[in-house]
Amino acid sequence: MRSDSETGFSADENDIGDSIEETAEGILTTLLRRIERRFFPGVRPVNGIEVVRNSHLPCRYVPAEKKIQIHAELAQFAKLSALIIVHELVHHKLQEADPNYAYNPYGPKFRDEIMELAKQDDYLRLL
């Protein structure tokens, strides 16, 4: 068994950060799919959610990959993650409907979608 010269642990045991992020991605994927079913039933699901550390953004929707990225520091907070996922799914929904949407991502269409969600009791329970 190969060991790390600094810690003395086996190389696999040093991958704890990676396994934590993989676990977070699994939990967030379950949360993502529930939110998609509840709030966005007529929208094609995104390809997934990815926990990242190498981003200066807290979260983002990547249209080319149809994927949500969430920073690892935020991913540890379930309620905040749920709100972020809803936010990014609004971007996904609008991008799917209009490929030119990215030119005005926080315009009236985005605000209208958020206001419609805010009328739903389930959405208010996320707050």
Foldseek 3Di string as FASTA:
>chain_A
DDPDPPPRHRPVVVCPVVVVQVVLQVVLQVLLVVCCVPQPVPADQFPGEGEDAPDPDQKEQDQVRSYIYGYPVQSVDVLSSSVVSVLRVLLVRVCVVPVVCVVPVPDPSSVVSVVVLVVDPVSVVSD
